[in-house]
Amino acid sequence: MAEVNFVRKRTVVSTKPVTLGKFSLLSVLDRLMEKNYLRMVFHYPPIGGMSEPDQVTHRLRETLAETLSHFLVVTGRLLRNDKGQWMIKCNDAGVRLIEARAKGSVEDWLKFVDREK
C-alpha cells in the first residue's frame, strides 16, 4: 500500500453568491438515499503543461468553484425543519477539497483495492 501524506484541506465556494435564507426540501430520491452514500475517488492524470501539483490543484479549485455556481444547493448545509424533514439551507459555506500526496500511482493502487469496501 502506498504512503499517503495529507497536504491541506480547503473550502471551495461558488463563483456566484447564494441567496441567503433560501431553503430547499430534499426530493423523494434524496430521502430514500438518506442512509446511503457514495464513496468515490476522483483521479486526474497529469495535464500537458501542468506538471507541478500546485498548478493542478489551483486549476481543480477554479473548475470546482465554477461548477458549483451551476449547482448552488450543493454548497448548502443539511438541517431538519419543524416537521423533522431534512432540508438544505442554502448559503456560501462551500465544499471541502482535501489535497494529499501519495507515493505510487492510482493505477497501482487499483490493482489491489477491495472494490467491495
PDB file of N, CA and C in Angstrom:
ATOM      1  N   MET A   1       0.847  -1.183   0.000  1.00  0.00           N
ATOM      2  CA  MET A   1       0.000   0.000   0.000  1.00  0.00           C
ATOM      3  C   MET A   1       0.890   1.243   0.000  1.00  0.00           C
ATOM      4  N   ALA A   2       0.560   2.220  -0.801  1.00  0.00           N
ATOM      5  CA  ALA A   2       1.364   3.434  -0.929  1.00  0.00           C
ATOM      6  C   ALA A   2       1.180   4.339   0.286  1.00  0.00           C
ATOM      7  N   GLU A   3       2.221   5.067   0.597  1.00  0.00           N
ATOM      8  CA  GLU A   3       2.171   6.037   1.688  1.00  0.00           C
ATOM      9  C   GLU A   3       1.449   7.282   1.186  1.00  0.00           C
ATOM     10  N   VAL A   4       0.463   7.759   1.957  1.00  0.00           N
ATOM     11  CA  VAL A   4      -0.304   8.947   1.586  1.00  0.00           C
ATOM     12  C   VAL A   4      -0.073  10.012   2.650  1.00  0.00           C
ATOM     13  N   ASN A   5       0.262  11.209   2.223  1.00  0.00           N
ATOM     14  CA  ASN A   5       0.501  12.319   3.144  1.00  0.00           C
ATOM     15  C   ASN A   5      -0.497  13.435   2.896  1.00  0.00           C
ATOM     16  N   PHE A   6      -1.148  13.858   3.957  1.00  0.00           N
ATOM     17  CA  PHE A   6      -2.089  14.975   3.911  1.00  0.00           C
ATOM     18  C   PHE A   6      -1.317  16.253   3.621  1.00  0.00           C
ATOM     19  N   VAL A   7      -1.828  17.067   2.697  1.00  0.00           N
ATOM     20  CA  VAL A   7      -1.183  18.339   2.368  1.00  0.00           C
ATOM     21  C   VAL A   7      -1.972  19.491   2.966  1.00  0.00           C
ATOM     22  N   ARG A   8      -3.256  19.593   2.593  1.00  0.00           N
ATOM     23  CA  ARG A   8      -4.085  20.669   3.134  1.00  0.00           C
ATOM     24  C   ARG A   8      -5.554  20.391   2.869  1.00  0.00           C
ATOM     25  N   LYS A   9      -6.389  21.057   3.662  1.00  0.00           N
ATOM     26  CA  LYS A   9      -7.841  20.990   3.490  1.00  0.00           C
ATOM     27  C   LYS A   9      -8.307  22.415   3.216  1.00  0.00           C
ATOM     28  N   ARG A  10      -9.094  22.564   2.174  1.00  0.00           N
ATOM     29  CA  ARG A  10      -9.590  23.888   1.787  1.00  0.00           C
ATOM     30  C   ARG A  10     -11.097  23.839   1.613  1.00  0.00           C
ATOM     31  N   THR A  11     -11.697  25.004   1.638  1.00  0.00           N
ATOM     32  CA  THR A  11     -13.108  25.139   1.316  1.00  0.00           C
ATOM     33  C   THR A  11     -13.201  25.881  -0.009  1.00  0.00           C
ATOM     34  N   VAL A  12     -13.936  25.306  -0.946  1.00  0.00           N
ATOM     35  CA  VAL A  12     -14.129  25.928  -2.258  1.00  0.00           C
ATOM     36  C   VAL A  12     -15.562  26.431  -2.315  1.00  0.00           C
ATOM     37  N   VAL A  13     -15.740  27.700  -2.645  1.00  0.00           N
ATOM     38  CA  VAL A  13     -17.078  28.285  -2.731  1.00  0.00           C
ATOM     39  C   VAL A  13     -17.409  28.606  -4.184  1.00  0.00           C
ATOM     40  N   SER A  14     -18.685  28.782  -4.447  1.00  0.00           N
ATOM     41  CA  SER A  14     -19.172  29.089  -5.784  1.00  0.00           C
ATOM     42  C   SER A  14     -18.660  30.446  -6.248  1.00  0.00           C
ATOM     43  N   THR A  15     -18.563  30.605  -7.555  1.00  0.00           N
ATOM     44  CA  THR A  15     -18.175  31.900  -8.109  1.00  0.00           C
ATOM     45  C   THR A  15     -19.340  32.884  -8.092  1.00  0.00           C
ATOM     46  N   LYS A  16     -20.563  32.383  -7.861  1.00  0.00           N
ATOM     47  CA  LYS A  16     -21.750  33.240  -7.763  1.00  0.00           C
ATOM     48  C   LYS A  16     -22.248  33.223  -6.325  1.00  0.00           C
ATOM     49  N   PRO A  17     -22.684  34.378  -5.804  1.00  0.00           N
ATOM     50  CA  PRO A  17     -23.215  34.382  -4.441  1.00  0.00           C
ATOM     51  C   PRO A  17     -24.560  33.660  -4.372  1.00  0.00           C
ATOM     52  N   VAL A  18     -24.812  33.048  -3.227  1.00  0.00           N
ATOM     53  CA  VAL A  18     -26.058  32.320  -2.998  1.00  0.00           C
ATOM     54  C   VAL A  18     -27.049  33.258  -2.322  1.00  0.00           C
ATOM     55  N   THR A  19     -28.335  33.130  -2.659  1.00  0.00           N
ATOM     56  CA  THR A  19     -29.365  33.899  -1.983  1.00  0.00           C
ATOM     57  C   THR A  19     -29.507  33.357  -0.572  1.00  0.00           C
ATOM     58  N   LEU A  20     -29.062  34.125   0.402  1.00  0.00           N
ATOM     59  CA  LEU A  20     -29.098  33.668   1.785  1.00  0.00           C
ATOM     60  C   LEU A  20     -30.535  33.563   2.280  1.00  0.00           C
ATOM     61  N   GLY A  21     -30.783  32.615   3.166  1.00  0.00           N
ATOM     62  CA  GLY A  21     -32.113  32.427   3.729  1.00  0.00           C
ATOM     63  C   GLY A  21     -33.002  31.522   2.897  1.00  0.00           C
ATOM     64  N   LYS A  22     -32.512  31.044   1.763  1.00  0.00           N
ATOM     65  CA  LYS A  22     -33.296  30.153   0.912  1.00  0.00           C
ATOM     66  C   LYS A  22     -33.130  28.716   1.413  1.00  0.00           C
ATOM     67  N   PHE A  23     -34.231  27.964   1.409  1.00  0.00           N
ATOM     68  CA  PHE A  23     -34.211  26.567   1.826  1.00  0.00           C
ATOM     69  C   PHE A  23     -34.721  25.701   0.688  1.00  0.00           C
ATOM     70  N   SER A  24     -34.218  24.490   0.612  1.00  0.00           N
ATOM     71  CA  SER A  24     -34.637  23.554  -0.426  1.00  0.00           C
ATOM     72  C   SER A  24     -34.939  22.211   0.223  1.00  0.00           C
ATOM     73  N   LEU A  25     -36.176  21.733   0.051  1.00  0.00           N
ATOM     74  CA  LEU A  25     -36.535  20.422   0.592  1.00  0.00           C
ATOM     75  C   LEU A  25     -35.878  19.336  -0.244  1.00  0.00           C
ATOM     76  N   LEU A  26     -35.570  18.231   0.390  1.00  0.00           N
ATOM     77  CA  LEU A  26     -34.979  17.113  -0.335  1.00  0.00           C
ATOM     78  C   LEU A  26     -36.040  16.406  -1.168  1.00  0.00           C
ATOM     79  N   SER A  27     -35.642  15.878  -2.298  1.00  0.00           N
ATOM     80  CA  SER A  27     -36.562  15.146  -3.168  1.00  0.00           C
ATOM     81  C   SER A  27     -36.850  13.771  -2.573  1.00  0.00           C
ATOM     82  N   VAL A  28     -37.802  13.068  -3.157  1.00  0.00           N
ATOM     83  CA  VAL A  28     -38.130  11.711  -2.708  1.00  0.00           C
ATOM     84  C   VAL A  28     -36.893  10.819  -2.819  1.00  0.00           C
ATOM     85  N   LEU A  29     -36.172  10.919  -3.920  1.00  0.00           N
ATOM     86  CA  LEU A  29     -34.962  10.112  -4.099  1.00  0.00           C
ATOM     87  C   LEU A  29     -33.914  10.457  -3.039  1.00  0.00           C
ATOM     88  N   ASP A  30     -33.759  11.742  -2.757  1.00  0.00           N
ATOM     89  CA  ASP A  30     -32.811  12.153  -1.711  1.00  0.00           C
ATOM     90  C   ASP A  30     -33.177  11.515  -0.378  1.00  0.00           C
ATOM     91  N   ARG A  31     -34.465  11.502  -0.051  1.00  0.00           N
ATOM     92  CA  ARG A  31     -34.908  10.925   1.230  1.00  0.00           C
ATOM     93  C   ARG A  31     -34.720   9.414   1.246  1.00  0.00           C
ATOM     94  N   LEU A  32     -34.924   8.752   0.102  1.00  0.00           N
ATOM     95  CA  LEU A  32     -34.714   7.305   0.041  1.00  0.00           C
ATOM     96  C   LEU A  32     -33.241   6.947   0.217  1.00  0.00           C
ATOM     97  N   MET A  33     -32.372   7.816  -0.203  1.00  0.00           N
ATOM     98  CA  MET A  33     -30.928   7.570  -0.112  1.00  0.00           C
ATOM     99  C   MET A  33     -30.341   8.027   1.220  1.00  0.00           C
ATOM    100  N   GLU A  34     -31.198   8.455   2.151  1.00  0.00           N
ATOM    101  CA  GLU A  34     -30.737   9.057   3.403  1.00  0.00           C
ATOM    102  C   GLU A  34     -29.663   8.245   4.116  1.00  0.00           C
ATOM    103  N   LYS A  35     -29.818   6.940   4.173  1.00  0.00           N
ATOM    104  CA  LYS A  35     -28.875   6.116   4.924  1.00  0.00           C
ATOM    105  C   LYS A  35     -27.762   5.548   4.040  1.00  0.00           C
ATOM    106  N   ASN A  36     -27.700   5.992   2.816  1.00  0.00           N
ATOM    107  CA  ASN A  36     -26.680   5.509   1.887  1.00  0.00           C
ATOM    108  C   ASN A  36     -25.848   6.686   1.396  1.00  0.00           C
ATOM    109  N   TYR A  37     -24.661   6.401   1.044  1.00  0.00           N
ATOM    110  CA  TYR A  37     -23.819   7.425   0.440  1.00  0.00           C
ATOM    111  C   TYR A  37     -22.840   6.749  -0.506  1.00  0.00           C
ATOM    112  N   LEU A  38     -22.268   7.540  -1.362  1.00  0.00           N
ATOM    113  CA  LEU A  38     -21.344   7.015  -2.361  1.00  0.00           C
ATOM    114  C   LEU A  38     -19.914   7.319  -1.942  1.00  0.00           C
ATOM    115  N   ARG A  39     -19.056   6.326  -2.079  1.00  0.00           N
ATOM    116  CA  ARG A  39     -17.631   6.537  -1.847  1.00  0.00           C
ATOM    117  C   ARG A  39     -16.978   6.628  -3.217  1.00  0.00           C
ATOM    118  N   MET A  40     -16.303   7.727  -3.448  1.00  0.00           N
ATOM    119  CA  MET A  40     -15.701   7.922  -4.761  1.00  0.00           C
ATOM    120  C   MET A  40     -14.281   8.448  -4.626  1.00  0.00           C
ATOM    121  N   VAL A  41     -13.465   8.063  -5.558  1.00  0.00           N
ATOM    122  CA  VAL A  41     -12.126   8.617  -5.687  1.00  0.00           C
ATOM    123  C   VAL A  41     -12.047   9.198  -7.087  1.00  0.00           C
ATOM    124  N   PHE A  42     -11.713  10.460  -7.167  1.00  0.00           N
ATOM    125  CA  PHE A  42     -11.528  11.101  -8.463  1.00  0.00           C
ATOM    126  C   PHE A  42     -10.031  11.208  -8.720  1.00  0.00           C
ATOM    127  N   HIS A  43      -9.614  10.712  -9.863  1.00  0.00           N
ATOM    128  CA  HIS A  43      -8.198  10.756 -10.223  1.00  0.00           C
ATOM    129  C   HIS A  43      -8.059  11.527 -11.519  1.00  0.00           C
ATOM    130  N   TYR A  44      -7.182  12.498 -11.503  1.00  0.00           N
ATOM    131  CA  TYR A  44      -6.935  13.300 -12.688  1.00  0.00           C
ATOM    132  C   TYR A  44      -5.472  13.138 -13.078  1.00  0.00           C
ATOM    133  N   PRO A  45      -5.203  12.406 -14.164  1.00  0.00           N
ATOM    134  CA  PRO A  45      -3.810  12.245 -14.586  1.00  0.00           C
ATOM    135  C   PRO A  45      -3.221  13.601 -14.983  1.00  0.00           C
ATOM    136  N   PRO A  46      -1.906  13.712 -14.984  1.00  0.00           N
ATOM    137  CA  PRO A  46      -1.265  14.993 -15.320  1.00  0.00           C
ATOM    138  C   PRO A  46      -1.733  15.530 -16.672  1.00  0.00           C
ATOM    139  N   ILE A  47      -1.938  16.829 -16.697  1.00  0.00           N
ATOM    140  CA  ILE A  47      -2.368  17.517 -17.910  1.00  0.00           C
ATOM    141  C   ILE A  47      -1.121  18.112 -18.560  1.00  0.00           C
ATOM    142  N   GLY A  48      -1.055  18.070 -19.874  1.00  0.00           N
ATOM    143  CA  GLY A  48       0.093  18.638 -20.572  1.00  0.00           C
ATOM    144  C   GLY A  48       0.350  20.075 -20.158  1.00  0.00           C
ATOM    145  N   GLY A  49       1.592  20.384 -19.804  1.00  0.00           N
ATOM    146  CA  GLY A  49       1.943  21.744 -19.413  1.00  0.00           C
ATOM    147  C   GLY A  49       1.678  22.058 -17.954  1.00  0.00           C
ATOM    148  N   MET A  50       1.080  21.130 -17.221  1.00  0.00           N
ATOM    149  CA  MET A  50       0.792  21.352 -15.798  1.00  0.00           C
ATOM    150  C   MET A  50       1.434  20.231 -14.995  1.00  0.00           C
ATOM    151  N   SER A  51       2.721  20.314 -14.794  1.00  0.00           N
ATOM    152  CA  SER A  51       3.408  19.224 -14.104  1.00  0.00           C
ATOM    153  C   SER A  51       3.502  19.450 -12.605  1.00  0.00           C
ATOM    154  N   GLU A  52       3.424  20.685 -12.166  1.00  0.00           N
ATOM    155  CA  GLU A  52       3.522  20.982 -10.737  1.00  0.00           C
ATOM    156  C   GLU A  52       2.191  20.696 -10.048  1.00  0.00           C
ATOM    157  N   PRO A  53       2.225  19.965  -8.929  1.00  0.00           N
ATOM    158  CA  PRO A  53       0.979  19.650  -8.213  1.00  0.00           C
ATOM    159  C   PRO A  53       0.164  20.891  -7.847  1.00  0.00           C
ATOM    160  N   ASP A  54       0.834  21.985  -7.466  1.00  0.00           N
ATOM    161  CA  ASP A  54       0.097  23.198  -7.094  1.00  0.00           C
ATOM    162  C   ASP A  54      -0.653  23.793  -8.283  1.00  0.00           C
ATOM    163  N   GLN A  55      -0.107  23.665  -9.483  1.00  0.00           N
ATOM    164  CA  GLN A  55      -0.802  24.148 -10.681  1.00  0.00           C
ATOM    165  C   GLN A  55      -2.079  23.342 -10.907  1.00  0.00           C
ATOM    166  N   VAL A  56      -1.968  22.034 -10.758  1.00  0.00           N
ATOM    167  CA  VAL A  56      -3.124  21.155 -10.962  1.00  0.00           C
ATOM    168  C   VAL A  56      -4.191  21.451  -9.916  1.00  0.00           C
ATOM    169  N   THR A  57      -3.783  21.558  -8.658  1.00  0.00           N
ATOM    170  CA  THR A  57      -4.735  21.838  -7.583  1.00  0.00           C
ATOM    171  C   THR A  57      -5.426  23.178  -7.805  1.00  0.00           C
ATOM    172  N   HIS A  58      -4.671  24.184  -8.208  1.00  0.00           N
ATOM    173  CA  HIS A  58      -5.251  25.505  -8.466  1.00  0.00           C
ATOM    174  C   HIS A  58      -6.316  25.419  -9.564  1.00  0.00           C
ATOM    175  N   ARG A  59      -6.004  24.715 -10.633  1.00  0.00           N
ATOM    176  CA  ARG A  59      -6.960  24.564 -11.749  1.00  0.00           C
ATOM    177  C   ARG A  59      -8.200  23.798 -11.301  1.00  0.00           C
ATOM    178  N   LEU A  60      -8.021  22.751 -10.489  1.00  0.00           N
ATOM    179  CA  LEU A  60      -9.171  21.996  -9.978  1.00  0.00           C
ATOM    180  C   LEU A  60     -10.057  22.874  -9.101  1.00  0.00           C
ATOM    181  N   ARG A  61      -9.448  23.711  -8.262  1.00  0.00           N
ATOM    182  CA  ARG A  61     -10.234  24.610  -7.404  1.00  0.00           C
ATOM    183  C   ARG A  61     -11.042  25.590  -8.247  1.00  0.00           C
ATOM    184  N   GLU A  62     -10.420  26.161  -9.261  1.00  0.00           N
ATOM    185  CA  GLU A  62     -11.128  27.099 -10.140  1.00  0.00           C
ATOM    186  C   GLU A  62     -12.302  26.420 -10.838  1.00  0.00           C
ATOM    187  N   THR A  63     -12.066  25.230 -11.360  1.00  0.00           N
ATOM    188  CA  THR A  63     -13.105  24.498 -12.083  1.00  0.00           C
ATOM    189  C   THR A  63     -14.239  24.087 -11.152  1.00  0.00           C
ATOM    190  N   LEU A  64     -13.903  23.627  -9.958  1.00  0.00           N
ATOM    191  CA  LEU A  64     -14.928  23.248  -8.985  1.00  0.00           C
ATOM    192  C   LEU A  64     -15.768  24.457  -8.592  1.00  0.00           C
ATOM    193  N   ALA A  65     -15.148  25.602  -8.354  1.00  0.00           N
ATOM    194  CA  ALA A  65     -15.882  26.818  -7.992  1.00  0.00           C
ATOM    195  C   ALA A  65     -16.854  27.213  -9.103  1.00  0.00           C
ATOM    196  N   GLU A  66     -16.419  27.111 -10.342  1.00  0.00           N
ATOM    197  CA  GLU A  66     -17.298  27.432 -11.479  1.00  0.00           C
ATOM    198  C   GLU A  66     -18.451  26.434 -11.571  1.00  0.00           C
ATOM    199  N   THR A  67     -18.164  25.153 -11.369  1.00  0.00           N
ATOM    200  CA  THR A  67     -19.206  24.120 -11.416  1.00  0.00           C
ATOM    201  C   THR A  67     -20.236  24.345 -10.318  1.00  0.00           C
ATOM    202  N   LEU A  68     -19.778  24.697  -9.129  1.00  0.00           N
ATOM    203  CA  LEU A  68     -20.700  24.940  -8.013  1.00  0.00           C
ATOM    204  C   LEU A  68     -21.665  26.083  -8.309  1.00  0.00           C
ATOM    205  N   SER A  69     -21.264  27.031  -9.140  1.00  0.00           N
ATOM    206  CA  SER A  69     -22.155  28.148  -9.471  1.00  0.00           C
ATOM    207  C   SER A  69     -23.393  27.677 -10.228  1.00  0.00           C
ATOM    208  N   HIS A  70     -23.333  26.490 -10.814  1.00  0.00           N
ATOM    209  CA  HIS A  70     -24.486  25.928 -11.521  1.00  0.00           C
ATOM    210  C   HIS A  70     -25.317  25.010 -10.622  1.00  0.00           C
ATOM    211  N   PHE A  71     -24.775  24.629  -9.484  1.00  0.00           N
ATOM    212  CA  PHE A  71     -25.446  23.719  -8.547  1.00  0.00           C
ATOM    213  C   PHE A  71     -25.309  24.284  -7.137  1.00  0.00           C
ATOM    214  N   LEU A  72     -25.881  25.466  -6.922  1.00  0.00           N
ATOM    215  CA  LEU A  72     -25.698  26.189  -5.664  1.00  0.00           C
ATOM    216  C   LEU A  72     -26.162  25.411  -4.438  1.00  0.00           C
ATOM    217  N   VAL A  73     -27.160  24.550  -4.602  1.00  0.00           N
ATOM    218  CA  VAL A  73     -27.692  23.815  -3.458  1.00  0.00           C
ATOM    219  C   VAL A  73     -26.633  22.889  -2.849  1.00  0.00           C
ATOM    220  N   VAL A  74     -25.651  22.478  -3.636  1.00  0.00           N
ATOM    221  CA  VAL A  74     -24.597  21.586  -3.149  1.00  0.00           C
ATOM    222  C   VAL A  74     -23.766  22.258  -2.057  1.00  0.00           C
ATOM    223  N   THR A  75     -23.662  23.574  -2.083  1.00  0.00           N
ATOM    224  CA  THR A  75     -22.845  24.277  -1.095  1.00  0.00           C
ATOM    225  C   THR A  75     -23.588  24.533   0.206  1.00  0.00           C
ATOM    226  N   GLY A  76     -24.845  24.142   0.288  1.00  0.00           N
ATOM    227  CA  GLY A  76     -25.634  24.363   1.498  1.00  0.00           C
ATOM    228  C   GLY A  76     -25.348  23.343   2.582  1.00  0.00           C
ATOM    229  N   ARG A  77     -26.099  23.445   3.681  1.00  0.00           N
ATOM    230  CA  ARG A  77     -25.935  22.533   4.810  1.00  0.00           C
ATOM    231  C   ARG A  77     -27.274  21.895   5.152  1.00  0.00           C
ATOM    232  N   LEU A  78     -27.200  20.611   5.510  1.00  0.00           N
ATOM    233  CA  LEU A  78     -28.410  19.870   5.874  1.00  0.00           C
ATOM    234  C   LEU A  78     -28.892  20.269   7.262  1.00  0.00           C
ATOM    235  N   LEU A  79     -30.199  20.378   7.402  1.00  0.00           N
ATOM    236  CA  LEU A  79     -30.823  20.562   8.706  1.00  0.00           C
ATOM    237  C   LEU A  79     -32.250  20.057   8.621  1.00  0.00           C
ATOM    238  N   ARG A  80     -32.907  19.926   9.766  1.00  0.00           N
ATOM    239  CA  ARG A  80     -34.302  19.458   9.798  1.00  0.00           C
ATOM    240  C   ARG A  80     -35.232  20.633  10.078  1.00  0.00           C
ATOM    241  N   ASN A  81     -36.404  20.608   9.418  1.00  0.00           N
ATOM    242  CA  ASN A  81     -37.397  21.642   9.700  1.00  0.00           C
ATOM    243  C   ASN A  81     -38.235  21.230  10.909  1.00  0.00           C
ATOM    244  N   ASP A  82     -39.267  22.020  11.264  1.00  0.00           N
ATOM    245  CA  ASP A  82     -40.087  21.714  12.457  1.00  0.00           C
ATOM    246  C   ASP A  82     -40.817  20.381  12.342  1.00  0.00           C
ATOM    247  N   LYS A  83     -41.019  19.891  11.122  1.00  0.00           N
ATOM    248  CA  LYS A  83     -41.698  18.603  10.932  1.00  0.00           C
ATOM    249  C   LYS A  83     -40.710  17.436  10.925  1.00  0.00           C
ATOM    250  N   GLY A  84     -39.441  17.713  11.127  1.00  0.00           N
ATOM    251  CA  GLY A  84     -38.429  16.658  11.145  1.00  0.00           C
ATOM    252  C   GLY A  84     -37.924  16.255   9.771  1.00  0.00           C
ATOM    253  N   GLN A  85     -38.329  16.993   8.742  1.00  0.00           N
ATOM    254  CA  GLN A  85     -37.894  16.677   7.377  1.00  0.00           C
ATOM    255  C   GLN A  85     -36.524  17.305   7.101  1.00  0.00           C
ATOM    256  N   TRP A  86     -35.688  16.548   6.388  1.00  0.00           N
ATOM    257  CA  TRP A  86     -34.395  17.087   6.003  1.00  0.00           C
ATOM    258  C   TRP A  86     -34.577  18.147   4.927  1.00  0.00           C
ATOM    259  N   MET A  87     -33.813  19.206   5.039  1.00  0.00           N
ATOM    260  CA  MET A  87     -33.817  20.263   4.033  1.00  0.00           C
ATOM    261  C   MET A  87     -32.411  20.850   3.946  1.00  0.00           C
ATOM    262  N   ILE A  88     -32.187  21.612   2.911  1.00  0.00           N
ATOM    263  CA  ILE A  88     -30.876  22.225   2.714  1.00  0.00           C
ATOM    264  C   ILE A  88     -31.010  23.732   2.889  1.00  0.00           C
ATOM    265  N   LYS A  89     -30.204  24.261   3.786  1.00  0.00           N
ATOM    266  CA  LYS A  89     -30.141  25.711   3.972  1.00  0.00           C
ATOM    267  C   LYS A  89     -29.073  26.220   3.012  1.00  0.00           C
ATOM    268  N   CYS A  90     -29.507  26.977   2.019  1.00  0.00           N
ATOM    269  CA  CYS A  90     -28.576  27.478   1.014  1.00  0.00           C
ATOM    270  C   CYS A  90     -27.734  28.608   1.612  1.00  0.00           C
ATOM    271  N   ASN A  91     -26.442  28.486   1.470  1.00  0.00           N
ATOM    272  CA  ASN A  91     -25.515  29.509   1.948  1.00  0.00           C
ATOM    273  C   ASN A  91     -24.224  29.391   1.147  1.00  0.00           C
ATOM    274  N   ASP A  92     -23.277  30.179   1.503  1.00  0.00           N
ATOM    275  CA  ASP A  92     -21.989  30.153   0.799  1.00  0.00           C
ATOM    276  C   ASP A  92     -20.946  29.353   1.566  1.00  0.00           C
ATOM    277  N   ALA A  93     -21.378  28.287   2.255  1.00  0.00           N
ATOM    278  CA  ALA A  93     -20.449  27.503   3.073  1.00  0.00           C
ATOM    279  C   ALA A  93     -19.434  26.750   2.217  1.00  0.00           C
ATOM    280  N   GLY A  94     -19.772  26.419   0.986  1.00  0.00           N
ATOM    281  CA  GLY A  94     -18.832  25.752   0.093  1.00  0.00           C
ATOM    282  C   GLY A  94     -18.699  24.262   0.349  1.00  0.00           C
ATOM    283  N   VAL A  95     -17.753  23.649  -0.330  1.00  0.00           N
ATOM    284  CA  VAL A  95     -17.486  22.214  -0.198  1.00  0.00           C
ATOM    285  C   VAL A  95     -16.006  22.020   0.140  1.00  0.00           C
ATOM    286  N   ARG A  96     -15.714  20.880   0.753  1.00  0.00           N
ATOM    287  CA  ARG A  96     -14.338  20.572   1.159  1.00  0.00           C
ATOM    288  C   ARG A  96     -13.540  20.001  -0.005  1.00  0.00           C
ATOM    289  N   LEU A  97     -12.305  20.411  -0.090  1.00  0.00           N
ATOM    290  CA  LEU A  97     -11.353  19.853  -1.042  1.00  0.00           C
ATOM    291  C   LEU A  97     -10.130  19.455  -0.223  1.00  0.00           C
ATOM    292  N   ILE A  98      -9.828  18.177  -0.218  1.00  0.00           N
ATOM    293  CA  ILE A  98      -8.692  17.684   0.550  1.00  0.00           C
ATOM    294  C   ILE A  98      -7.597  17.285  -0.424  1.00  0.00           C
ATOM    295  N   GLU A  99      -6.433  17.829  -0.189  1.00  0.00           N
ATOM    296  CA  GLU A  99      -5.290  17.558  -1.064  1.00  0.00           C
ATOM    297  C   GLU A  99      -4.302  16.663  -0.327  1.00  0.00           C
ATOM    298  N   ALA A 100      -3.832  15.644  -1.024  1.00  0.00           N
ATOM    299  CA  ALA A 100      -2.857  14.714  -0.453  1.00  0.00           C
ATOM    300  C   ALA A 100      -1.853  14.326  -1.529  1.00  0.00           C
ATOM    301  N   ARG A 101      -0.718  13.854  -1.096  1.00  0.00           N
ATOM    302  CA  ARG A 101       0.314  13.354  -2.000  1.00  0.00           C
ATOM    303  C   ARG A 101       0.551  11.889  -1.655  1.00  0.00           C
ATOM    304  N   ALA A 102       0.771  11.080  -2.674  1.00  0.00           N
ATOM    305  CA  ALA A 102       0.991   9.649  -2.440  1.00  0.00           C
ATOM    306  C   ALA A 102       2.210   9.172  -3.209  1.00  0.00           C
ATOM    307  N   LYS A 103       2.895   8.227  -2.611  1.00  0.00           N
ATOM    308  CA  LYS A 103       3.981   7.551  -3.316  1.00  0.00           C
ATOM    309  C   LYS A 103       3.333   6.392  -4.053  1.00  0.00           C
ATOM    310  N   GLY A 104       3.600   6.269  -5.314  1.00  0.00           N
ATOM    311  CA  GLY A 104       2.938   5.246  -6.110  1.00  0.00           C
ATOM    312  C   GLY A 104       1.945   5.902  -7.048  1.00  0.00           C
ATOM    313  N   SER A 105       1.146   5.092  -7.697  1.00  0.00           N
ATOM    314  CA  SER A 105       0.177   5.625  -8.657  1.00  0.00           C
ATOM    315  C   SER A 105      -1.212   5.067  -8.375  1.00  0.00           C
ATOM    316  N   VAL A 106      -2.210   5.760  -8.869  1.00  0.00           N
ATOM    317  CA  VAL A 106      -3.587   5.285  -8.731  1.00  0.00           C
ATOM    318  C   VAL A 106      -3.742   3.965  -9.471  1.00  0.00           C
ATOM    319  N   GLU A 107      -3.083   3.839 -10.593  1.00  0.00           N
ATOM    320  CA  GLU A 107      -3.171   2.603 -11.369  1.00  0.00           C
ATOM    321  C   GLU A 107      -2.682   1.408 -10.545  1.00  0.00           C
ATOM    322  N   ASP A 108      -1.575   1.581  -9.820  1.00  0.00           N
ATOM    323  CA  ASP A 108      -1.067   0.501  -8.960  1.00  0.00           C
ATOM    324  C   ASP A 108      -2.033   0.218  -7.813  1.00  0.00           C
ATOM    325  N   TRP A 109      -2.564   1.262  -7.215  1.00  0.00           N
ATOM    326  CA  TRP A 109      -3.500   1.120  -6.100  1.00  0.00           C
ATOM    327  C   TRP A 109      -4.756   0.355  -6.533  1.00  0.00           C
ATOM    328  N   LEU A 110      -5.259   0.655  -7.724  1.00  0.00           N
ATOM    329  CA  LEU A 110      -6.472  -0.005  -8.212  1.00  0.00           C
ATOM    330  C   LEU A 110      -6.286  -1.503  -8.413  1.00  0.00           C
ATOM    331  N   LYS A 111      -5.060  -1.938  -8.624  1.00  0.00           N
ATOM    332  CA  LYS A 111      -4.801  -3.371  -8.783  1.00  0.00           C
ATOM    333  C   LYS A 111      -5.066  -4.137  -7.495  1.00  0.00           C
ATOM    334  N   PHE A 112      -4.923  -3.459  -6.351  1.00  0.00           N
ATOM    335  CA  PHE A 112      -5.016  -4.145  -5.063  1.00  0.00           C
ATOM    336  C   PHE A 112      -6.206  -3.724  -4.210  1.00  0.00           C
ATOM    337  N   VAL A 113      -6.952  -2.732  -4.627  1.00  0.00           N
ATOM    338  CA  VAL A 113      -8.055  -2.224  -3.808  1.00  0.00           C
ATOM    339  C   VAL A 113      -9.197  -3.236  -3.741  1.00  0.00           C
ATOM    340  N   ASP A 114      -9.834  -3.323  -2.579  1.00  0.00           N
ATOM    341  CA  ASP A 114     -11.017  -4.166  -2.405  1.00  0.00           C
ATOM    342  C   ASP A 114     -12.221  -3.339  -2.843  1.00  0.00           C
ATOM    343  N   ARG A 115     -12.753  -3.624  -3.994  1.00  0.00           N
ATOM    344  CA  ARG A 115     -13.834  -2.815  -4.561  1.00  0.00           C
ATOM    345  C   ARG A 115     -15.161  -2.967  -3.819  1.00  0.00           C
ATOM    346  N   GLU A 116     -15.234  -3.894  -2.890  1.00  0.00           N
ATOM    347  CA  GLU A 116     -16.451  -4.082  -2.097  1.00  0.00           C
ATOM    348  C   GLU A 116     -16.491  -3.145  -0.898  1.00  0.00           C
ATOM    349  N   LYS A 117     -15.366  -2.555  -0.553  1.00  0.00           N
ATOM    350  CA  LYS A 117     -15.312  -1.653   0.609  1.00  0.00           C
ATOM    351  C   LYS A 117     -15.526  -0.234   0.194  1.00  0.00           C
TER     352      LYS A 117
END
